PDB file of N, CA and C in Angstrom:
ATOM      1  N   UNK A   1      -4.183  49.924   5.702  1.00  0.00           N
ATOM      2  CA  UNK A   1      -2.771  50.264   6.168  1.00  0.00           C
ATOM      3  C   UNK A   1      -3.018  51.216   7.372  1.00  0.00           C
ATOM      4  N   UNK A   2      -2.759  51.014   8.260  1.00  0.00           N
ATOM      5  CA  UNK A   2      -2.769  52.033   9.511  1.00  0.00           C
ATOM      6  C   UNK A   2      -2.483  53.721   9.547  1.00  0.00           C
ATOM      7  N   UNK A   3      -2.594  54.463   9.814  1.00  0.00           N
ATOM      8  CA  UNK A   3      -1.868  55.692   9.859  1.00  0.00           C
ATOM      9  C   UNK A   3      -0.883  55.563  10.971  1.00  0.00           C
ATOM     10  N   UNK A   4       0.425  55.952  10.811  1.00  0.00           N
ATOM     11  CA  UNK A   4       1.544  56.102  11.641  1.00  0.00           C
ATOM     12  C   UNK A   4       1.711  57.547  12.194  1.00  0.00           C
ATOM     13  N   UNK A   5       2.364  57.757  12.886  1.00  0.00           N
ATOM     14  CA  UNK A   5       2.796  58.784  13.443  1.00  0.00           C
ATOM     15  C   UNK A   5       1.975  60.242  13.504  1.00  0.00           C
ATOM     16  N   UNK A   6       1.459  60.399  14.311  1.00  0.00           N
ATOM     17  CA  UNK A   6       0.393  61.619  14.524  1.00  0.00           C
ATOM     18  C   UNK A   6      -0.843  61.627  13.354  1.00  0.00           C
ATOM     19  N   UNK A   7      -0.667  60.232  12.518  1.00  0.00           N
ATOM     20  CA  UNK A   7      -1.847  60.796  11.692  1.00  0.00           C
ATOM     21  C   UNK A   7      -1.205  61.020  10.524  1.00  0.00           C
ATOM     22  N   UNK A   8      -0.173  61.654  10.452  1.00  0.00           N
ATOM     23  CA  UNK A   8       0.967  62.203   9.252  1.00  0.00           C
ATOM     24  C   UNK A   8       0.740  60.837   7.891  1.00  0.00           C
ATOM     25  N   UNK A   9       0.643  61.554   7.044  1.00  0.00           N
ATOM     26  CA  UNK A   9       0.512  60.754   5.343  1.00  0.00           C
ATOM     27  C   UNK A   9       1.788  60.736   5.341  1.00  0.00           C
ATOM     28  N   UNK A  10       3.007  60.428   6.157  1.00  0.00           N
ATOM     29  CA  UNK A  10       3.988  60.016   5.390  1.00  0.00           C
ATOM     30  C   UNK A  10       4.051  58.875   5.051  1.00  0.00           C
ATOM     31  N   UNK A  11       4.883  58.218   4.235  1.00  0.00           N
ATOM     32  CA  UNK A  11       4.842  57.121   3.262  1.00  0.00           C
ATOM     33  C   UNK A  11       5.094  56.055   4.234  1.00  0.00           C
ATOM     34  N   UNK A  12       3.455  55.493   4.676  1.00  0.00           N
ATOM     35  CA  UNK A  12       3.184  54.321   5.677  1.00  0.00           C
ATOM     36  C   UNK A  12       3.873  53.018   5.210  1.00  0.00           C
ATOM     37  N   UNK A  13       3.680  52.790   3.997  1.00  0.00           N
ATOM     38  CA  UNK A  13       4.524  51.589   3.560  1.00  0.00           C
ATOM     39  C   UNK A  13       6.079  51.713   3.983  1.00  0.00           C
ATOM     40  N   UNK A  14       6.839  52.718   3.702  1.00  0.00           N
ATOM     41  CA  UNK A  14       8.229  52.972   3.738  1.00  0.00           C
ATOM     42  C   UNK A  14       8.213  52.602   5.193  1.00  0.00           C
ATOM     43  N   UNK A  15       7.447  53.321   6.170  1.00  0.00           N
ATOM     44  CA  UNK A  15       7.917  52.930   7.388  1.00  0.00           C
ATOM     45  C   UNK A  15       6.888  51.956   8.382  1.00  0.00           C
ATOM     46  N   UNK A  16       6.345  51.130   7.867  1.00  0.00           N
ATOM     47  CA  UNK A  16       5.355  49.717   7.822  1.00  0.00           C
ATOM     48  C   UNK A  16       6.363  48.791   8.809  1.00  0.00           C
ATOM     49  N   UNK A  17       6.517  48.249  10.142  1.00  0.00           N
ATOM     50  CA  UNK A  17       7.471  47.461  10.045  1.00  0.00           C
ATOM     51  C   UNK A  17       7.229  46.093   9.429  1.00  0.00           C
ATOM     52  N   UNK A  18       6.116  45.768   9.050  1.00  0.00           N
ATOM     53  CA  UNK A  18       5.998  44.503   8.279  1.00  0.00           C
ATOM     54  C   UNK A  18       6.505  44.374   7.269  1.00  0.00           C
ATOM     55  N   UNK A  19       6.485  45.626   6.520  1.00  0.00           N
ATOM     56  CA  UNK A  19       7.194  45.955   5.135  1.00  0.00           C
ATOM     57  C   UNK A  19       8.579  45.770   5.281  1.00  0.00           C
ATOM     58  N   UNK A  20       9.254  47.059   5.902  1.00  0.00           N
ATOM     59  CA  UNK A  20      10.624  46.995   6.240  1.00  0.00           C
ATOM     60  C   UNK A  20      11.308  46.153   6.856  1.00  0.00           C
ATOM     61  N   UNK A  21      10.548  45.130   7.758  1.00  0.00           N
ATOM     62  CA  UNK A  21      11.363  44.182   8.630  1.00  0.00           C
ATOM     63  C   UNK A  21      10.711  42.978   8.627  1.00  0.00           C
ATOM     64  N   UNK A  22      10.517  42.269   7.030  1.00  0.00           N
ATOM     65  CA  UNK A  22       9.523  41.092   6.692  1.00  0.00           C
ATOM     66  C   UNK A  22      10.106  39.938   7.361  1.00  0.00           C
ATOM     67  N   UNK A  23      11.521  39.943   7.350  1.00  0.00           N
ATOM     68  CA  UNK A  23      12.018  38.766   7.847  1.00  0.00           C
ATOM     69  C   UNK A  23      12.214  38.551   9.357  1.00  0.00           C
ATOM     70  N   UNK A  24      11.533  39.778  10.130  1.00  0.00           N
ATOM     71  CA  UNK A  24      11.508  39.532  11.568  1.00  0.00           C
ATOM     72  C   UNK A  24      10.192  39.943  12.219  1.00  0.00           C
ATOM     73  N   UNK A  25       9.296  40.359  11.219  1.00  0.00           N
ATOM     74  CA  UNK A  25       8.252  40.618  11.905  1.00  0.00           C
ATOM     75  C   UNK A  25       7.321  39.961  10.629  1.00  0.00           C
ATOM     76  N   UNK A  26       6.254  39.220  11.133  1.00  0.00           N
ATOM     77  CA  UNK A  26       4.899  38.410  10.954  1.00  0.00           C
ATOM     78  C   UNK A  26       3.568  39.017  11.026  1.00  0.00           C
ATOM     79  N   UNK A  27       2.880  39.212  10.206  1.00  0.00           N
ATOM     80  CA  UNK A  27       1.362  39.431  10.553  1.00  0.00           C
ATOM     81  C   UNK A  27       0.153  38.187  11.618  1.00  0.00           C
ATOM     82  N   UNK A  28      -0.373  38.565  12.679  1.00  0.00           N
ATOM     83  CA  UNK A  28      -0.960  37.479  12.655  1.00  0.00           C
ATOM     84  C   UNK A  28      -2.550  37.693  12.741  1.00  0.00           C
ATOM     85  N   UNK A  29      -3.052  38.904  12.991  1.00  0.00           N
ATOM     86  CA  UNK A  29      -4.224  39.280  12.743  1.00  0.00           C
ATOM     87  C   UNK A  29      -4.371  40.466  12.617  1.00  0.00           C
ATOM     88  N   UNK A  30      -5.264  40.959  11.713  1.00  0.00           N
ATOM     89  CA  UNK A  30      -5.401  42.297  11.263  1.00  0.00           C
ATOM     90  C   UNK A  30      -7.011  42.748  11.000  1.00  0.00           C
ATOM     91  N   UNK A  31      -7.752  43.634  11.721  1.00  0.00           N
ATOM     92  CA  UNK A  31      -9.118  43.897  11.245  1.00  0.00           C
ATOM     93  C   UNK A  31      -9.333  45.484  11.272  1.00  0.00           C
ATOM     94  N   UNK A  32     -10.359  45.691  11.707  1.00  0.00           N
ATOM     95  CA  UNK A  32     -10.700  47.386  11.652  1.00  0.00           C
ATOM     96  C   UNK A  32     -10.128  47.693  13.123  1.00  0.00           C
ATOM     97  N   UNK A  33     -10.031  47.191  14.209  1.00  0.00           N
ATOM     98  CA  UNK A  33      -9.908  47.728  15.517  1.00  0.00           C
ATOM     99  C   UNK A  33      -7.782  47.663  15.771  1.00  0.00           C
ATOM    100  N   UNK A  34      -7.366  46.442  15.272  1.00  0.00           N
ATOM    101  CA  UNK A  34      -6.201  46.586  15.785  1.00  0.00           C
ATOM    102  C   UNK A  34      -5.550  45.415  14.810  1.00  0.00           C
ATOM    103  N   UNK A  35      -4.176  45.622  14.809  1.00  0.00           N
ATOM    104  CA  UNK A  35      -3.290  45.020  14.028  1.00  0.00           C
ATOM    105  C   UNK A  35      -2.357  44.434  14.798  1.00  0.00           C
ATOM    106  N   UNK A  36      -1.948  42.762  14.545  1.00  0.00           N
ATOM    107  CA  UNK A  36      -1.516  42.095  15.623  1.00  0.00           C
ATOM    108  C   UNK A  36      -0.248  41.253  15.154  1.00  0.00           C
ATOM    109  N   UNK A  37       0.883  41.532  15.088  1.00  0.00           N
ATOM    110  CA  UNK A  37       2.435  41.176  14.733  1.00  0.00           C
ATOM    111  C   UNK A  37       2.914  40.435  15.559  1.00  0.00           C
ATOM    112  N   UNK A  38       3.880  39.664  15.121  1.00  0.00           N
ATOM    113  CA  UNK A  38       5.015  38.724  15.753  1.00  0.00           C
ATOM    114  C   UNK A  38       6.203  39.409  15.681  1.00  0.00           C
ATOM    115  N   UNK A  39       7.241  39.527  16.349  1.00  0.00           N
ATOM    116  CA  UNK A  39       8.512  39.697  16.321  1.00  0.00           C
ATOM    117  C   UNK A  39       9.125  38.962  16.466  1.00  0.00           C
ATOM    118  N   UNK A  40      10.240  38.167  15.733  1.00  0.00           N
ATOM    119  CA  UNK A  40      11.538  37.627  16.173  1.00  0.00           C
ATOM    120  C   UNK A  40      12.855  38.160  16.114  1.00  0.00           C
ATOM    121  N   UNK A  41      13.508  38.372  16.926  1.00  0.00           N
ATOM    122  CA  UNK A  41      14.983  39.184  16.694  1.00  0.00           C
ATOM    123  C   UNK A  41      15.708  37.857  17.438  1.00  0.00           C
ATOM    124  N   UNK A  42      16.543  37.578  16.488  1.00  0.00           N
ATOM    125  CA  UNK A  42      17.470  36.994  16.667  1.00  0.00           C
ATOM    126  C   UNK A  42      19.066  37.499  17.301  1.00  0.00           C
ATOM    127  N   UNK A  43      19.775  37.225  18.193  1.00  0.00           N
ATOM    128  CA  UNK A  43      21.122  37.446  18.735  1.00  0.00           C
ATOM    129  C   UNK A  43      21.420  38.514  17.301  1.00  0.00           C
ATOM    130  N   UNK A  44      22.102  39.917  17.945  1.00  0.00           N
ATOM    131  CA  UNK A  44      22.762  40.494  16.842  1.00  0.00           C
ATOM    132  C   UNK A  44      21.649  41.178  15.592  1.00  0.00           C
ATOM    133  N   UNK A  45      20.577  40.808  15.429  1.00  0.00           N
ATOM    134  CA  UNK A  45      19.564  41.680  14.203  1.00  0.00           C
ATOM    135  C   UNK A  45      19.412  43.005  14.807  1.00  0.00           C
ATOM    136  N   UNK A  46      19.054  43.363  13.585  1.00  0.00           N
ATOM    137  CA  UNK A  46      18.950  45.190  13.677  1.00  0.00           C
ATOM    138  C   UNK A  46      17.876  44.938  12.771  1.00  0.00           C
ATOM    139  N   UNK A  47      16.941  45.757  13.047  1.00  0.00           N
ATOM    140  CA  UNK A  47      15.478  46.538  12.363  1.00  0.00           C
ATOM    141  C   UNK A  47      16.296  47.520  11.712  1.00  0.00           C
ATOM    142  N   UNK A  48      15.258  47.987  10.266  1.00  0.00           N
ATOM    143  CA  UNK A  48      15.186  49.010   9.583  1.00  0.00           C
ATOM    144  C   UNK A  48      14.125  49.627  10.500  1.00  0.00           C
ATOM    145  N   UNK A  49      14.227  51.197  10.199  1.00  0.00           N
ATOM    146  CA  UNK A  49      13.526  52.068  10.845  1.00  0.00           C
ATOM    147  C   UNK A  49      11.851  52.137  10.371  1.00  0.00           C
ATOM    148  N   UNK A  50      11.086  52.180  11.628  1.00  0.00           N
ATOM    149  CA  UNK A  50       9.515  51.899  11.270  1.00  0.00           C
ATOM    150  C   UNK A  50       9.025  52.537  12.284  1.00  0.00           C
ATOM    151  N   UNK A  51       7.901  52.682  12.100  1.00  0.00           N
ATOM    152  CA  UNK A  51       6.772  53.303  12.712  1.00  0.00           C
ATOM    153  C   UNK A  51       5.794  52.552  13.675  1.00  0.00           C
ATOM    154  N   UNK A  52       4.969  52.939  15.100  1.00  0.00           N
ATOM    155  CA  UNK A  52       4.297  51.958  15.099  1.00  0.00           C
ATOM    156  C   UNK A  52       3.236  53.263  15.779  1.00  0.00           C
ATOM    157  N   UNK A  53       1.561  52.809  15.454  1.00  0.00           N
ATOM    158  CA  UNK A  53       0.390  53.975  16.203  1.00  0.00           C
ATOM    159  C   UNK A  53       0.905  53.520  17.438  1.00  0.00           C
ATOM    160  N   UNK A  54      -0.146  54.106  18.553  1.00  0.00           N
ATOM    161  CA  UNK A  54      -0.261  53.342  19.906  1.00  0.00           C
ATOM    162  C   UNK A  54      -0.273  51.893  19.857  1.00  0.00           C
ATOM    163  N   UNK A  55       0.485  51.218  20.487  1.00  0.00           N
ATOM    164  CA  UNK A  55       0.337  49.679  20.641  1.00  0.00           C
ATOM    165  C   UNK A  55       1.043  48.957  22.130  1.00  0.00           C
ATOM    166  N   UNK A  56       0.675  47.978  22.009  1.00  0.00           N
ATOM    167  CA  UNK A  56       0.859  47.235  23.388  1.00  0.00           C
ATOM    168  C   UNK A  56       1.873  45.886  23.084  1.00  0.00           C
ATOM    169  N   UNK A  57       2.994  45.672  24.085  1.00  0.00           N
ATOM    170  CA  UNK A  57       3.934  44.797  23.216  1.00  0.00           C
ATOM    171  C   UNK A  57       3.553  43.465  24.627  1.00  0.00           C
ATOM    172  N   UNK A  58       3.697  42.111  24.107  1.00  0.00           N
ATOM    173  CA  UNK A  58       3.425  41.024  25.090  1.00  0.00           C
ATOM    174  C   UNK A  58       4.718  40.344  24.608  1.00  0.00           C
ATOM    175  N   UNK A  59       5.319  40.267  25.734  1.00  0.00           N
ATOM    176  CA  UNK A  59       6.898  39.479  25.387  1.00  0.00           C
ATOM    177  C   UNK A  59       6.771  38.075  25.859  1.00  0.00           C
ATOM    178  N   UNK A  60       6.624  37.375  24.674  1.00  0.00           N
ATOM    179  CA  UNK A  60       6.596  35.447  24.865  1.00  0.00           C
ATOM    180  C   UNK A  60       8.025  35.176  25.403  1.00  0.00           C
ATOM    181  N   UNK A  61       9.270  35.600  24.695  1.00  0.00           N
ATOM    182  CA  UNK A  61      10.658  35.494  25.197  1.00  0.00           C
ATOM    183  C   UNK A  61      11.264  36.548  25.253  1.00  0.00           C
ATOM    184  N   UNK A  62      11.801  37.084  26.255  1.00  0.00           N
ATOM    185  CA  UNK A  62      12.352  38.078  26.557  1.00  0.00           C
ATOM    186  C   UNK A  62      14.288  38.363  26.201  1.00  0.00           C
ATOM    187  N   UNK A  63      15.071  39.148  26.653  1.00  0.00           N
ATOM    188  CA  UNK A  63      16.087  39.561  26.127  1.00  0.00           C
ATOM    189  C   UNK A  63      16.400  40.755  26.276  1.00  0.00           C
ATOM    190  N   UNK A  64      17.557  40.949  25.853  1.00  0.00           N
ATOM    191  CA  UNK A  64      18.226  42.265  26.049  1.00  0.00           C
ATOM    192  C   UNK A  64      18.303  43.360  24.476  1.00  0.00           C
ATOM    193  N   UNK A  65      17.644  44.476  24.292  1.00  0.00           N
ATOM    194  CA  UNK A  65      17.333  45.034  23.228  1.00  0.00           C
ATOM    195  C   UNK A  65      18.047  46.546  23.394  1.00  0.00           C
ATOM    196  N   UNK A  66      18.212  47.185  22.281  1.00  0.00           N
ATOM    197  CA  UNK A  66      18.929  48.233  22.420  1.00  0.00           C
ATOM    198  C   UNK A  66      17.729  49.044  21.373  1.00  0.00           C
ATOM    199  N   UNK A  67      17.092  50.313  21.984  1.00  0.00           N
ATOM    200  CA  UNK A  67      15.894  50.961  21.092  1.00  0.00           C
ATOM    201  C   UNK A  67      16.583  52.443  20.628  1.00  0.00           C
ATOM    202  N   UNK A  68      16.494  52.634  19.479  1.00  0.00           N
ATOM    203  CA  UNK A  68      17.076  53.649  18.969  1.00  0.00           C
ATOM    204  C   UNK A  68      15.902  54.402  18.070  1.00  0.00           C
ATOM    205  N   UNK A  69      15.308  55.543  19.189  1.00  0.00           N
ATOM    206  CA  UNK A  69      14.452  56.499  18.527  1.00  0.00           C
ATOM    207  C   UNK A  69      14.723  57.260  17.227  1.00  0.00           C
ATOM    208  N   UNK A  70      13.969  57.734  16.579  1.00  0.00           N
ATOM    209  CA  UNK A  70      14.047  58.602  15.318  1.00  0.00           C
ATOM    210  C   UNK A  70      14.769  59.710  15.952  1.00  0.00           C
ATOM    211  N   UNK A  71      14.510  60.399  17.071  1.00  0.00           N
ATOM    212  CA  UNK A  71      15.224  61.763  17.634  1.00  0.00           C
ATOM    213  C   UNK A  71      16.677  61.464  17.536  1.00  0.00           C
ATOM    214  N   UNK A  72      17.440  60.230  17.696  1.00  0.00           N
ATOM    215  CA  UNK A  72      18.523  59.865  18.055  1.00  0.00           C
ATOM    216  C   UNK A  72      18.801  59.547  19.368  1.00  0.00           C
ATOM    217  N   UNK A  73      17.659  59.609  20.386  1.00  0.00           N
ATOM    218  CA  UNK A  73      17.427  58.747  21.754  1.00  0.00           C
ATOM    219  C   UNK A  73      18.234  57.464  21.500  1.00  0.00           C
ATOM    220  N   UNK A  74      19.343  56.871  22.298  1.00  0.00           N
ATOM    221  CA  UNK A  74      19.455  55.161  22.735  1.00  0.00           C
ATOM    222  C   UNK A  74      19.310  54.875  23.994  1.00  0.00           C
ATOM    223  N   UNK A  75      18.458  53.935  23.706  1.00  0.00           N
ATOM    224  CA  UNK A  75      18.057  53.304  25.455  1.00  0.00           C
ATOM    225  C   UNK A  75      18.002  51.983  24.978  1.00  0.00           C
ATOM    226  N   UNK A  76      18.805  51.181  26.206  1.00  0.00           N
ATOM    227  CA  UNK A  76      18.908  49.994  26.598  1.00  0.00           C
ATOM    228  C   UNK A  76      18.027  49.302  27.444  1.00  0.00           C
ATOM    229  N   UNK A  77      17.351  48.415  27.081  1.00  0.00           N
ATOM    230  CA  UNK A  77      16.096  47.749  28.032  1.00  0.00           C
ATOM    231  C   UNK A  77      16.197  45.925  28.390  1.00  0.00           C
ATOM    232  N   UNK A  78      15.573  45.338  29.216  1.00  0.00           N
ATOM    233  CA  UNK A  78      15.560  44.217  29.299  1.00  0.00           C
ATOM    234  C   UNK A  78      14.060  43.798  29.010  1.00  0.00           C
ATOM    235  N   UNK A  79      13.965  43.292  28.206  1.00  0.00           N
ATOM    236  CA  UNK A  79      12.359  42.522  27.986  1.00  0.00           C
ATOM    237  C   UNK A  79      12.063  41.355  28.792  1.00  0.00           C
ATOM    238  N   UNK A  80      11.454  41.100  30.007  1.00  0.00           N
ATOM    239  CA  UNK A  80      11.398  39.956  30.702  1.00  0.00           C
ATOM    240  C   UNK A  80       9.830  39.369  30.348  1.00  0.00           C
ATOM    241  N   UNK A  81       9.737  37.917  29.865  1.00  0.00           N
ATOM    242  CA  UNK A  81       9.292  37.201  29.403  1.00  0.00           C
ATOM    243  C   UNK A  81       7.730  37.023  30.480  1.00  0.00           C
ATOM    244  N   UNK A  82       6.557  37.773  29.869  1.00  0.00           N
ATOM    245  CA  UNK A  82       5.464  37.581  30.370  1.00  0.00           C
ATOM    246  C   UNK A  82       5.240  39.086  30.719  1.00  0.00           C
ATOM    247  N   UNK A  83       5.938  40.026  30.266  1.00  0.00           N
ATOM    248  CA  UNK A  83       5.982  41.440  30.434  1.00  0.00           C
ATOM    249  C   UNK A  83       4.944  41.996  29.549  1.00  0.00           C
ATOM    250  N   UNK A  84       4.081  42.860  29.775  1.00  0.00           N
ATOM    251  CA  UNK A  84       3.172  43.483  28.783  1.00  0.00           C
ATOM    252  C   UNK A  84       3.434  45.136  28.974  1.00  0.00           C
ATOM    253  N   UNK A  85       3.556  45.988  28.052  1.00  0.00           N
ATOM    254  CA  UNK A  85       4.075  47.154  27.841  1.00  0.00           C
ATOM    255  C   UNK A  85       3.208  47.810  26.725  1.00  0.00           C
ATOM    256  N   UNK A  86       2.863  48.983  27.512  1.00  0.00           N
ATOM    257  CA  UNK A  86       2.086  49.999  26.698  1.00  0.00           C
ATOM    258  C   UNK A  86       3.006  50.937  25.982  1.00  0.00           C
ATOM    259  N   UNK A  87       2.712  51.037  24.976  1.00  0.00           N
ATOM    260  CA  UNK A  87       3.905  52.757  23.888  1.00  0.00           C
ATOM    261  C   UNK A  87       2.923  53.222  23.269  1.00  0.00           C
ATOM    262  N   UNK A  88       3.282  54.660  23.184  1.00  0.00           N
ATOM    263  CA  UNK A  88       2.395  55.708  22.334  1.00  0.00           C
ATOM    264  C   UNK A  88       3.201  55.496  21.205  1.00  0.00           C
ATOM    265  N   UNK A  89       2.740  55.992  19.867  1.00  0.00           N
ATOM    266  CA  UNK A  89       3.231  55.934  19.037  1.00  0.00           C
ATOM    267  C   UNK A  89       4.623  56.376  18.705  1.00  0.00           C
ATOM    268  N   UNK A  90       5.129  55.671  17.946  1.00  0.00           N
ATOM    269  CA  UNK A  90       6.752  55.829  18.092  1.00  0.00           C
ATOM    270  C   UNK A  90       7.419  55.096  16.723  1.00  0.00           C
ATOM    271  N   UNK A  91       8.591  56.061  16.037  1.00  0.00           N
ATOM    272  CA  UNK A  91       9.323  56.068  15.001  1.00  0.00           C
ATOM    273  C   UNK A  91      10.385  55.624  15.705  1.00  0.00           C
ATOM    274  N   UNK A  92      10.982  54.340  15.175  1.00  0.00           N
ATOM    275  CA  UNK A  92      12.253  53.901  16.296  1.00  0.00           C
ATOM    276  C   UNK A  92      12.804  52.732  14.926  1.00  0.00           C
ATOM    277  N   UNK A  93      14.263  52.218  15.475  1.00  0.00           N
ATOM    278  CA  UNK A  93      14.529  50.404  15.306  1.00  0.00           C
ATOM    279  C   UNK A  93      15.317  50.105  16.489  1.00  0.00           C
ATOM    280  N   UNK A  94      15.069  48.904  16.600  1.00  0.00           N
ATOM    281  CA  UNK A  94      16.005  48.025  17.591  1.00  0.00           C
ATOM    282  C   UNK A  94      16.627  47.160  17.362  1.00  0.00           C
ATOM    283  N   UNK A  95      17.666  46.647  18.489  1.00  0.00           N
ATOM    284  CA  UNK A  95      18.515  45.576  18.107  1.00  0.00           C
ATOM    285  C   UNK A  95      18.543  44.725  18.858  1.00  0.00           C
ATOM    286  N   UNK A  96      18.945  43.427  19.171  1.00  0.00           N
ATOM    287  CA  UNK A  96      19.179  42.686  19.846  1.00  0.00           C
ATOM    288  C   UNK A  96      20.444  42.555  20.297  1.00  0.00           C
ATOM    289  N   UNK A  97      20.950  42.994  21.448  1.00  0.00           N
ATOM    290  CA  UNK A  97      21.965  43.184  21.927  1.00  0.00           C
ATOM    291  C   UNK A  97      22.505  41.698  22.929  1.00  0.00           C
ATOM    292  N   UNK A  98      21.342  40.981  23.175  1.00  0.00           N
ATOM    293  CA  UNK A  98      21.557  39.746  24.244  1.00  0.00           C
ATOM    294  C   UNK A  98      22.219  38.724  23.249  1.00  0.00           C
ATOM    295  N   UNK A  99      21.919  37.615  24.227  1.00  0.00           N
ATOM    296  CA  UNK A  99      22.505  35.875  23.343  1.00  0.00           C
ATOM    297  C   UNK A  99      21.171  35.131  23.156  1.00  0.00           C
ATOM    298  N   UNK A 100      19.935  35.590  23.442  1.00  0.00           N
ATOM    299  CA  UNK A 100      18.698  35.144  23.243  1.00  0.00           C
ATOM    300  C   UNK A 100      17.612  35.580  22.292  1.00  0.00           C
ATOM    301  N   UNK A 101      17.182  34.669  21.828  1.00  0.00           N
ATOM    302  CA  UNK A 101      16.012  35.313  20.502  1.00  0.00           C
ATOM    303  C   UNK A 101      14.936  35.896  21.289  1.00  0.00           C
ATOM    304  N   UNK A 102      14.437  36.869  21.114  1.00  0.00           N
ATOM    305  CA  UNK A 102      13.602  37.708  21.629  1.00  0.00           C
ATOM    306  C   UNK A 102      12.093  37.377  20.483  1.00  0.00           C
ATOM    307  N   UNK A 103      10.992  37.428  21.162  1.00  0.00           N
ATOM    308  CA  UNK A 103       9.909  36.846  20.535  1.00  0.00           C
ATOM    309  C   UNK A 103       8.696  37.900  21.185  1.00  0.00           C
ATOM    310  N   UNK A 104       8.334  38.471  20.470  1.00  0.00           N
ATOM    311  CA  UNK A 104       7.180  39.781  21.119  1.00  0.00           C
ATOM    312  C   UNK A 104       6.207  39.805  20.347  1.00  0.00           C
ATOM    313  N   UNK A 105       4.890  39.735  21.022  1.00  0.00           N
ATOM    314  CA  UNK A 105       3.043  40.140  20.545  1.00  0.00           C
ATOM    315  C   UNK A 105       3.153  41.187  20.363  1.00  0.00           C
ATOM    316  N   UNK A 106       2.666  42.039  19.281  1.00  0.00           N
ATOM    317  CA  UNK A 106       2.604  43.316  19.042  1.00  0.00           C
ATOM    318  C   UNK A 106       1.288  44.025  18.683  1.00  0.00           C
ATOM    319  N   UNK A 107       0.368  44.558  19.366  1.00  0.00           N
ATOM    320  CA  UNK A 107      -0.971  44.676  19.262  1.00  0.00           C
ATOM    321  C   UNK A 107      -1.109  45.890  18.800  1.00  0.00           C
ATOM    322  N   UNK A 108      -0.747  46.225  17.739  1.00  0.00           N
ATOM    323  CA  UNK A 108      -1.018  48.157  17.612  1.00  0.00           C
ATOM    324  C   UNK A 108      -2.649  48.243  17.384  1.00  0.00           C
ATOM    325  N   UNK A 109      -2.970  49.748  17.979  1.00  0.00           N
ATOM    326  CA  UNK A 109      -4.075  50.126  18.059  1.00  0.00           C
ATOM    327  C   UNK A 109      -4.656  51.252  17.013  1.00  0.00           C
ATOM    328  N   UNK A 110      -5.843  50.863  16.332  1.00  0.00           N
ATOM    329  CA  UNK A 110      -6.223  51.717  15.383  1.00  0.00           C
ATOM    330  C   UNK A 110      -7.579  52.493  15.646  1.00  0.00           C
ATOM    331  N   UNK A 111      -7.157  53.568  15.277  1.00  0.00           N
ATOM    332  CA  UNK A 111      -8.429  54.376  15.547  1.00  0.00           C
ATOM    333  C   UNK A 111      -9.886  53.963  15.212  1.00  0.00           C
TER     334      UNK A 111
END
């Protein structure tokens, strides 16, 4: 299991997206350098709080998403099919606020 959030030893399994969002996240590949997850968010789906190390998102199928950061910040965004996004380490949960199924490939970077 990778270290999440500034390398803290916080309960990584409790905040591992693969564990807490097992219905919407699937493991595609894992090795010593990366972990690749596929997220499928149907309209109206709300994830549970989870953490990522630094990661890259590839949008397979876009849609409207509301992101809830652990600090209480809420932002709305639209993922466009084909977008590639880099994100710093993050603890959050997201919800699909649109009417299309969002599919994302997430490449989490390991130290």
